[in-house]
Amino acid sequence: SHIYKKNHDITKTWKGKTEQLLRVDDHDFTMRPAFGGPAIPVGVDVQVESLDSISEVDMDFTMTLYLRHYWKDERLSFPSTNNKSMTFDGRLVKKIWVPDVFFVHSKRSFIHDTTTDNIMLRVFPDGHVLYSMRITVTAMCNMDFSRFPLDSQTCSLELESYAYTDEDLMLYWKNGNESLKTDEKISLSQFLIQKFHTTSRLAFYSSTGWYNRLYINFTLRRHIFFFLLQTYFPATLMVMLSWVSFWIDRRAVPARVSLGITTVLTMSTIITGVNASMPRVSYIKAVDIYLWVSFVFVFLSVLEYAAVNYLTTVQERKERKLRERFPCTCGISHSKTMMLDGNYSESDANSLAGYTRNQMVPEEEKQEKMVVHLTMSNESNSSKKRGLKGHVGLRIIQNTHAIDKYSRLIFPGTYIFFNLIYWSVFS
């Protein structure tokens, strides 16, 4: 048969109170341990439970952590035969001395109190004390968005004694970098946690003196894939869409104007959406450079068609004036249409270019005639197989301005060159 050994229950044998065991009433715990002597060392270690949020607009972060303090207070020593510690909850904390550590640059913080205050106090027989709390703190983080969204941010949570200078309280990391532990499951939607580490230094206040300050530093790198899908890729598509107008007939005014205005308004919407979720910083961000350069490309596409339309109008006005001055010879366009008798040869037809229909064909012979298009070009018009294709191709060439031809190469080439420089500098 198994023999069960029962643990010794001190509550059944001790007739006094815990305060009497620890002699709480016999000492003045409003003063620190070893008051008047050297500074009392207080070790600190932290276990980060979660990084709850990172806010670019408010420039802060929220962290939940377990904060533990270690020090020795001989006033709390007690006799023990088995050298075991005693553990208490937050009710005893209000009756003894504890370090007055606070979070520098914190905006909001609280100790969790569900289902009871998340505070633990462990006292050892020789007077060593472990004081642990579960805290959620929102602290300020000075962020630099000059490379946003290709940026990395380093934030710090700072701990310091509020009342005791370094002459009274020496705050230090209990085990160096090993004093900071993190949960492996910590993750953020927009950031990759690259590194957690600890540092310490002295902080000086002109009116009170020097204080020991501990830092919990962590480096975050932003995930770029979200911004590629939501910002960079749509902006690039809008720029490419604005180039479509270079291949549209220059006389199709509604098509080219509506395409240009649509792309300009879409780029404005993208820029507004990105800036709405960012703080109003006074410097230029990396995403601003990309979006505004893309906006300039789209806007130049609209101006390009304005120049093409204006030059086309000027050219047509000059041709109209020439036709009015020389109606017989100078009114010949690139493509001529006239009625020829079926008996005419091709050489005769070419020699008749520029004559009107009434000059060449009598009215009574209309039913025996056919329509012949004479195209003035450097190539021979004798090939009947290539006649229709050549005529259509020439009409397309005529409807394309020289500025459109150059824009088809200059705009894409310049934008590709800009992308190469941008991603090589910021990535």
Protein backbone atom coordinates (compact mmCIF):
# COMPACT_ATOMS: atom_id res chain seq x y z
CA SER A 1 0.00 0.00 0.00
CA HIS A 2 1.08 3.51 -0.79
CA ILE A 3 2.04 5.78 2.09
CA TYR A 4 0.88 9.36 1.64
CA LYS A 5 2.89 12.03 3.41
CA LYS A 6 0.92 15.08 4.39
CA ASN A 7 2.49 18.52 4.08
CA HIS A 8 2.89 20.52 7.24
CA ASP A 9 0.19 23.22 7.44
CA ILE A 10 1.58 26.22 9.29
CA THR A 11 -1.87 27.77 9.61
CA LYS A 12 -2.83 25.01 12.04
CA THR A 13 0.14 25.51 14.33
CA TRP A 14 0.85 29.26 14.14
CA LYS A 15 -1.47 31.12 16.46
CA GLY A 16 -0.41 34.63 15.45
CA LYS A 17 -0.86 36.67 12.30
CA THR A 18 1.36 36.94 9.27
CA GLU A 19 2.22 40.51 10.26
CA GLN A 20 3.51 39.14 13.58
CA LEU A 21 5.56 36.45 11.84
CA LEU A 22 7.19 39.04 9.57
CA ARG A 23 7.25 41.62 12.40
CA VAL A 24 5.54 44.19 10.16
CA ASP A 25 4.33 46.24 13.10
CA ASP A 26 7.78 46.37 14.66
CA HIS A 27 9.37 48.44 11.91
CA ASP A 28 8.75 51.63 9.99
CA PHE A 29 8.32 50.51 6.39
CA THR A 30 7.92 54.05 5.10
CA MET A 31 11.72 54.13 4.93
CA ARG A 32 13.80 51.99 2.61
CA PRO A 33 15.90 49.10 3.93
CA ALA A 34 19.25 50.12 5.43
CA PHE A 35 18.15 53.73 5.57
CA GLY A 36 21.13 56.06 6.02
CA GLY A 37 23.53 53.46 4.67
CA PRO A 38 24.63 52.59 1.13
CA ALA A 39 22.18 52.37 -1.75
CA ILE A 40 19.99 49.30 -1.70
CA PRO A 41 20.41 47.18 -4.86
CA VAL A 42 17.14 46.28 -6.58
CA GLY A 43 17.39 43.75 -9.38
CA VAL A 44 14.82 43.73 -12.16
CA ASP A 45 13.80 41.20 -14.76
CA VAL A 46 10.97 41.34 -17.28
CA GLN A 47 9.04 38.78 -19.25
CA VAL A 48 7.20 40.31 -22.21
CA GLU A 49 3.88 38.58 -22.71
CA SER A 50 2.67 40.47 -25.78
CA LEU A 51 3.13 43.53 -27.95
CA ASP A 52 -0.47 44.55 -28.33
CA SER A 53 -0.28 47.40 -30.83
CA ILE A 54 1.97 49.90 -32.57
CA SER A 55 0.35 53.21 -33.49
CA GLU A 56 2.02 55.42 -36.09
CA VAL A 57 -0.54 58.19 -35.67
CA ASP A 58 -0.08 58.48 -31.87
CA MET A 59 3.57 57.37 -32.00
CA ASP A 60 3.22 54.90 -29.15
CA PHE A 61 3.12 51.18 -28.42
CA THR A 62 1.24 48.99 -25.95
CA MET A 63 2.97 46.13 -24.16
CA THR A 64 1.86 43.58 -21.58
CA LEU A 65 4.63 42.25 -19.34
CA TYR A 66 5.53 40.61 -16.06
CA LEU A 67 7.67 43.00 -14.01
CA ARG A 68 9.69 41.46 -11.17
CA HIS A 69 11.82 43.13 -8.50
CA TYR A 70 14.43 41.48 -6.28
CA TRP A 71 15.88 43.05 -3.13
CA LYS A 72 16.74 42.19 0.47
CA ASP A 73 14.93 43.62 3.47
CA GLU A 74 16.23 42.10 6.70
CA ARG A 75 13.22 43.48 8.53
CA LEU A 76 11.14 40.77 6.81
CA SER A 77 13.37 37.85 7.79
CA PHE A 78 11.67 35.12 9.79
CA PRO A 79 12.70 31.86 11.44
CA SER A 80 12.17 28.73 9.36
CA THR A 81 13.20 25.13 9.90
CA ASN A 82 12.86 24.04 6.26
CA ASN A 83 14.20 27.29 4.69
CA LYS A 84 11.14 27.67 2.48
CA SER A 85 9.72 30.94 1.29
CA MET A 86 6.27 32.30 1.94
CA THR A 87 4.09 33.67 -0.86
CA PHE A 88 1.49 36.40 -0.46
CA ASP A 89 -0.83 38.36 -2.72
CA GLY A 90 -1.27 42.12 -3.07
CA ARG A 91 -2.86 42.62 0.36
CA LEU A 92 0.49 42.54 2.14
CA VAL A 93 2.22 44.84 -0.37
CA LYS A 94 0.49 47.91 1.05
CA LYS A 95 2.04 47.28 4.50
CA ILE A 96 5.72 46.91 3.57
CA TRP A 97 8.30 48.87 1.57
CA VAL A 98 8.48 48.15 -2.18
CA PRO A 99 10.53 49.94 -4.88
CA ASP A 100 8.72 52.92 -6.43
CA VAL A 101 9.54 51.99 -10.03
CA PHE A 102 7.56 53.80 -12.73
CA PHE A 103 7.56 53.84 -16.54
CA VAL A 104 9.18 56.91 -18.04
CA HIS A 105 7.27 58.50 -20.97
CA SER A 106 4.28 56.26 -20.36
CA LYS A 107 0.83 57.48 -21.39
CA ARG A 108 -1.34 54.85 -19.72
CA SER A 109 -0.61 51.84 -17.55
CA PHE A 110 -2.49 49.57 -15.19
CA ILE A 111 -2.06 46.42 -13.14
CA HIS A 112 -4.43 43.65 -14.16
CA ASP A 113 -7.07 42.98 -11.53
CA THR A 114 -9.08 40.04 -12.89
CA THR A 115 -10.06 38.01 -10.99
CA THR A 116 -7.92 39.65 -8.34
CA ASP A 117 -4.94 42.00 -8.42
CA ASN A 118 -2.17 40.29 -10.41
CA ILE A 119 0.46 40.90 -7.72
CA MET A 120 2.67 38.34 -6.07
CA LEU A 121 5.01 38.80 -3.08
CA ARG A 122 7.43 36.05 -2.07
CA VAL A 123 9.51 36.43 1.11
CA PHE A 124 12.46 34.18 1.97
CA PRO A 125 13.66 33.47 5.53
CA ASP A 126 16.84 35.55 5.12
CA GLY A 127 14.84 38.63 4.06
CA HIS A 128 15.15 38.36 0.28
CA VAL A 129 11.98 39.50 -1.48
CA LEU A 130 10.51 38.79 -4.92
CA TYR A 131 7.84 41.24 -6.01
CA SER A 132 6.01 40.48 -9.28
CA MET A 133 3.25 42.32 -11.17
CA ARG A 134 1.41 41.84 -14.46
CA ILE A 135 1.19 45.23 -16.16
CA THR A 136 -0.07 46.66 -19.45
CA VAL A 137 1.62 49.91 -20.37
CA THR A 138 1.26 52.29 -23.30
CA ALA A 139 4.43 54.31 -23.79
CA MET A 140 5.71 56.87 -26.24
CA CYS A 141 7.96 55.83 -29.11
CA ASN A 142 9.70 58.47 -31.20
CA MET A 143 9.40 57.12 -34.73
CA ASP A 144 11.18 58.29 -37.85
CA PHE A 145 9.02 57.94 -40.98
CA SER A 146 11.51 59.29 -43.52
CA ARG A 147 11.82 55.77 -45.00
CA PHE A 148 8.18 54.72 -44.49
CA PRO A 149 7.03 52.05 -45.37
CA LEU A 150 10.52 50.64 -45.90
CA ASP A 151 11.52 51.59 -42.38
CA SER A 152 12.66 50.01 -39.14
CA GLN A 153 11.64 51.43 -35.77
CA THR A 154 13.41 51.10 -32.42
CA CYS A 155 11.26 51.68 -29.34
CA SER A 156 12.16 51.62 -25.67
CA LEU A 157 10.29 51.03 -22.45
CA GLU A 158 12.12 52.87 -19.65
CA LEU A 159 11.99 52.03 -15.94
CA GLU A 160 13.18 54.32 -13.17
CA SER A 161 12.71 55.02 -9.49
CA TYR A 162 10.54 58.05 -8.95
CA ALA A 163 11.79 59.20 -5.53
CA TYR A 164 15.11 57.49 -4.79
CA THR A 165 18.28 58.70 -6.47
CA ASP A 166 21.25 56.47 -7.20
CA GLU A 167 22.53 57.25 -3.68
CA ASP A 168 19.53 55.49 -2.14
CA LEU A 169 18.46 52.89 -4.70
CA MET A 170 20.61 51.13 -7.27
CA LEU A 171 18.35 49.76 -10.03
CA TYR A 172 20.00 47.16 -12.27
CA TRP A 173 19.17 44.25 -14.56
CA LYS A 174 19.40 41.12 -12.44
CA ASN A 175 20.97 38.88 -15.10
CA GLY A 176 22.05 41.28 -17.83
CA ASN A 177 20.44 40.55 -21.21
CA GLU A 178 19.12 37.32 -19.75
CA SER A 179 16.86 39.44 -17.57
CA LEU A 180 14.59 40.07 -20.56
CA LYS A 181 12.56 37.15 -21.84
CA THR A 182 9.90 37.18 -24.52
CA ASP A 183 7.16 34.85 -25.60
CA GLU A 184 8.02 33.09 -28.86
CA LYS A 185 4.46 33.54 -30.07
CA ILE A 186 4.67 37.35 -30.09
CA SER A 187 3.77 38.65 -33.55
CA LEU A 188 2.44 41.84 -35.11
CA SER A 189 0.43 42.29 -38.28
CA GLN A 190 2.61 45.03 -39.81
CA PHE A 191 5.96 44.45 -38.13
CA LEU A 192 8.60 41.80 -37.79
CA ILE A 193 10.24 41.80 -34.35
CA GLN A 194 13.95 41.66 -35.04
CA LYS A 195 15.58 42.04 -31.64
CA PHE A 196 14.92 42.55 -27.91
CA HIS A 197 17.76 43.74 -25.69
CA THR A 198 18.39 45.64 -22.45
CA THR A 199 20.50 48.67 -21.58
CA SER A 200 20.94 50.90 -18.55
CA ARG A 201 22.29 54.37 -17.87
CA LEU A 202 22.01 57.29 -15.50
CA ALA A 203 19.38 59.98 -15.99
CA PHE A 204 19.91 63.47 -14.62
CA TYR A 205 17.27 65.92 -13.42
CA SER A 206 18.48 69.40 -12.55
CA SER A 207 16.25 69.73 -9.50
CA THR A 208 16.52 66.23 -7.97
CA GLY A 209 19.75 64.55 -9.12
CA TRP A 210 20.87 61.32 -10.81
CA TYR A 211 18.68 58.24 -11.19
CA ASN A 212 19.31 54.74 -12.48
CA ARG A 213 17.25 54.08 -15.60
CA LEU A 214 16.67 50.71 -17.27
CA TYR A 215 15.70 50.31 -20.93
CA ILE A 216 13.82 47.54 -22.72
CA ASN A 217 14.75 48.09 -26.37
CA PHE A 218 13.15 46.30 -29.28
CA THR A 219 13.60 46.77 -33.02
CA LEU A 220 10.71 46.36 -35.46
CA ARG A 221 10.90 46.08 -39.24
CA ARG A 222 7.77 46.82 -41.22
CA HIS A 223 6.30 44.23 -43.57
CA ILE A 224 6.37 45.72 -47.08
CA PHE A 225 4.05 43.27 -48.86
CA PHE A 226 0.87 44.98 -47.63
CA PHE A 227 1.99 48.33 -49.00
CA LEU A 228 3.09 46.78 -52.27
CA LEU A 229 -0.46 45.55 -52.82
CA GLN A 230 -2.30 48.57 -51.46
CA THR A 231 -0.12 51.49 -52.54
CA TYR A 232 2.80 50.82 -54.88
CA PHE A 233 1.12 48.41 -57.29
CA PRO A 234 -2.05 50.54 -57.81
CA ALA A 235 0.06 53.68 -58.29
CA THR A 236 2.21 51.93 -60.89
CA LEU A 237 -0.87 50.68 -62.72
CA MET A 238 -2.30 54.20 -62.85
CA VAL A 239 0.90 55.52 -64.38
CA MET A 240 0.90 52.73 -66.97
CA LEU A 241 -2.77 53.37 -67.71
CA SER A 242 -2.02 57.02 -68.43
CA TRP A 243 0.39 55.88 -71.16
CA VAL A 244 -2.48 54.25 -73.08
CA SER A 245 -3.51 57.70 -74.34
CA PHE A 246 -0.31 57.85 -76.44
CA TRP A 247 -1.74 55.10 -78.66
CA ILE A 248 -5.21 56.65 -79.00
CA ASP A 249 -6.07 58.78 -82.05
CA ARG A 250 -5.17 62.38 -81.35
CA ARG A 251 -8.59 63.48 -82.70
CA ALA A 252 -10.40 61.34 -80.09
CA VAL A 253 -10.58 64.22 -77.63
CA PRO A 254 -13.20 62.76 -75.21
CA ALA A 255 -11.33 59.45 -74.90
CA ARG A 256 -7.92 60.93 -74.15
CA VAL A 257 -9.17 63.69 -71.86
CA SER A 258 -11.38 61.38 -69.79
CA LEU A 259 -8.56 58.84 -69.44
CA GLY A 260 -6.15 61.51 -68.23
CA ILE A 261 -8.56 63.05 -65.73
CA THR A 262 -9.51 59.61 -64.37
CA THR A 263 -5.90 58.63 -63.70
CA VAL A 264 -5.17 62.00 -62.05
CA LEU A 265 -8.15 61.70 -59.71
CA THR A 266 -7.26 58.08 -58.85
CA MET A 267 -3.72 59.06 -57.93
CA SER A 268 -5.07 61.85 -55.73
CA THR A 269 -7.29 59.34 -53.94
CA ILE A 270 -4.35 56.98 -53.32
CA ILE A 271 -2.22 59.81 -51.90
CA THR A 272 -5.03 60.98 -49.64
CA GLY A 273 -5.69 57.45 -48.35
CA VAL A 274 -2.06 56.88 -47.44
CA ASN A 275 -1.67 60.21 -45.63
CA ALA A 276 -4.92 59.73 -43.70
CA SER A 277 -3.40 56.86 -41.71
CA MET A 278 -0.12 58.66 -40.99
CA PRO A 279 0.85 61.42 -38.56
CA ARG A 280 1.25 64.90 -40.01
CA VAL A 281 5.01 64.99 -40.07
CA SER A 282 6.88 67.95 -41.51
CA TYR A 283 9.31 65.91 -43.61
CA ILE A 284 8.93 63.84 -46.77
CA LYS A 285 8.41 60.10 -46.46
CA ALA A 286 9.66 57.51 -48.92
CA VAL A 287 6.13 56.64 -49.98
CA ASP A 288 5.45 60.34 -50.64
CA ILE A 289 8.34 60.46 -53.08
CA TYR A 290 7.02 57.48 -55.01
CA LEU A 291 3.40 58.64 -55.07
CA TRP A 292 4.13 62.23 -56.01
CA VAL A 293 6.55 61.26 -58.76
CA SER A 294 3.86 58.89 -60.08
CA PHE A 295 1.35 61.73 -59.85
CA VAL A 296 3.67 63.97 -61.86
CA PHE A 297 3.97 61.30 -64.58
CA VAL A 298 0.18 61.04 -64.79
CA PHE A 299 -0.20 64.81 -64.86
CA LEU A 300 2.43 65.14 -67.60
CA SER A 301 0.47 62.64 -69.69
CA VAL A 302 -2.49 65.02 -69.58
CA LEU A 303 -0.27 67.97 -70.49
CA GLU A 304 1.23 65.94 -73.31
CA TYR A 305 -2.15 65.57 -74.98
CA ALA A 306 -2.87 69.26 -74.42
CA ALA A 307 0.31 70.05 -76.36
CA VAL A 308 -0.57 67.54 -79.10
CA ASN A 309 -4.09 68.92 -79.48
CA TYR A 310 -2.85 72.52 -79.59
CA LEU A 311 -0.17 71.83 -82.19
CA THR A 312 -2.64 69.84 -84.28
CA THR A 313 -5.09 72.73 -84.21
CA VAL A 314 -2.38 75.18 -85.24
CA GLN A 315 -1.28 72.91 -88.10
CA GLU A 316 -4.81 72.46 -89.41
CA ARG A 317 -5.41 76.20 -89.27
CA LYS A 318 -2.31 76.82 -91.39
CA GLU A 319 -3.37 74.18 -93.94
CA ARG A 320 -6.85 75.73 -94.15
CA LYS A 321 -5.35 79.13 -94.91
CA LEU A 322 -3.14 77.62 -97.63
CA ARG A 323 -6.11 75.90 -99.25
CA GLU A 324 -7.99 79.19 -99.28
CA ARG A 325 -5.07 80.92 -101.00
CA PHE A 326 -4.34 78.12 -103.52
CA PRO A 327 -7.58 76.21 -104.11
CA CYS A 328 -6.43 74.37 -107.28
CA THR A 329 -2.99 73.10 -106.40
CA CYS A 330 -2.39 73.53 -102.70
CA GLY A 331 -5.58 72.00 -101.44
CA ILE A 332 -4.35 68.49 -102.16
CA SER A 333 -4.24 66.34 -99.04
CA HIS A 334 -2.22 63.18 -98.57
CA SER A 335 -5.10 61.09 -99.84
CA LYS A 336 -7.15 61.98 -102.96
CA THR A 337 -10.45 60.52 -104.12
CA MET A 338 -11.77 60.87 -107.65
CA MET A 339 -13.91 59.13 -110.28
CA LEU A 340 -12.15 57.46 -113.18
CA ASP A 341 -13.40 55.72 -116.27
CA GLY A 342 -12.59 52.09 -116.50
CA ASN A 343 -10.58 52.76 -119.68
CA TYR A 344 -8.01 54.86 -117.89
CA SER A 345 -4.64 53.28 -117.24
CA GLU A 346 -2.83 53.52 -113.93
CA SER A 347 -0.37 56.08 -115.32
CA ASP A 348 -3.25 58.18 -116.54
CA ALA A 349 -4.84 57.99 -113.13
CA ASN A 350 -1.66 59.13 -111.43
CA SER A 351 -1.35 62.03 -113.84
CA LEU A 352 -4.86 63.20 -113.00
CA ALA A 353 -4.22 63.70 -109.32
CA GLY A 354 -5.50 67.01 -108.07
CA TYR A 355 -8.40 67.40 -110.51
CA THR A 356 -11.93 67.54 -109.34
CA ARG A 357 -14.55 65.04 -110.21
CA ASN A 358 -16.48 67.41 -112.49
CA GLN A 359 -13.32 68.26 -114.44
CA MET A 360 -12.56 64.67 -115.30
CA VAL A 361 -15.83 62.80 -115.75
CA PRO A 362 -18.90 63.86 -117.67
CA GLU A 363 -22.17 63.69 -115.78
CA GLU A 364 -23.77 61.13 -118.12
CA GLU A 365 -21.01 58.54 -117.60
CA LYS A 366 -21.34 58.21 -113.82
CA GLN A 367 -22.71 54.67 -113.95
CA GLU A 368 -19.53 53.32 -115.61
CA LYS A 369 -17.12 54.86 -113.20
CA MET A 370 -15.49 53.68 -110.01
CA VAL A 371 -13.89 55.33 -106.98
CA VAL A 372 -10.11 55.32 -106.92
CA HIS A 373 -8.01 56.58 -103.98
CA LEU A 374 -4.72 58.13 -104.96
CA THR A 375 -2.24 58.28 -102.11
CA MET A 376 0.71 60.60 -102.39
CA SER A 377 3.68 58.84 -100.81
CA ASN A 378 7.22 57.91 -101.60
CA GLU A 379 6.33 54.28 -102.26
CA SER A 380 4.85 52.90 -105.47
CA ASN A 381 1.07 52.53 -105.64
CA SER A 382 1.14 49.82 -108.29
CA SER A 383 0.65 46.94 -105.87
CA LYS A 384 -3.08 46.25 -105.53
CA LYS A 385 -2.60 43.63 -102.81
CA ARG A 386 -1.01 46.14 -100.46
CA GLY A 387 -3.21 49.05 -101.44
CA LEU A 388 -5.82 48.76 -98.66
CA LYS A 389 -3.33 47.90 -95.90
CA GLY A 390 -1.01 50.69 -96.94
CA HIS A 391 -3.86 53.18 -96.95
CA VAL A 392 -5.05 52.21 -93.44
CA GLY A 393 -1.52 52.25 -92.06
CA LEU A 394 -0.89 55.68 -93.53
CA ARG A 395 -4.06 57.04 -91.98
CA ILE A 396 -2.88 55.79 -88.56
CA ILE A 397 0.50 57.43 -89.05
CA GLN A 398 -1.15 60.65 -90.08
CA ASN A 399 -3.33 60.62 -86.93
CA THR A 400 -0.29 60.20 -84.64
CA HIS A 401 1.61 63.30 -83.67
CA ALA A 402 5.40 63.25 -83.35
CA ILE A 403 5.07 64.07 -79.63
CA ASP A 404 3.06 60.85 -79.13
CA LYS A 405 5.77 58.82 -80.83
CA TYR A 406 8.48 60.16 -78.55
CA SER A 407 6.27 59.90 -75.46
CA ARG A 408 5.79 56.17 -76.02
CA LEU A 409 9.49 55.71 -75.33
CA ILE A 410 10.41 58.59 -73.02
CA PHE A 411 7.67 58.12 -70.41
CA PRO A 412 8.15 54.34 -69.77
CA GLY A 413 11.94 54.62 -69.93
CA THR A 414 12.07 57.48 -67.43
CA TYR A 415 9.65 55.77 -65.04
CA ILE A 416 11.62 52.53 -65.11
CA PHE A 417 14.82 54.46 -64.41
CA PHE A 418 13.13 56.19 -61.46
CA ASN A 419 12.01 52.82 -60.03
CA LEU A 420 15.52 51.43 -60.26
CA ILE A 421 16.92 54.36 -58.32
CA TYR A 422 14.08 54.38 -55.77
CA TRP A 423 14.24 50.71 -54.83
CA SER A 424 18.04 50.64 -54.78
CA VAL A 425 18.11 53.58 -52.33
CA PHE A 426 15.26 52.64 -49.97
CA SER A 427 15.25 48.84 -50.00
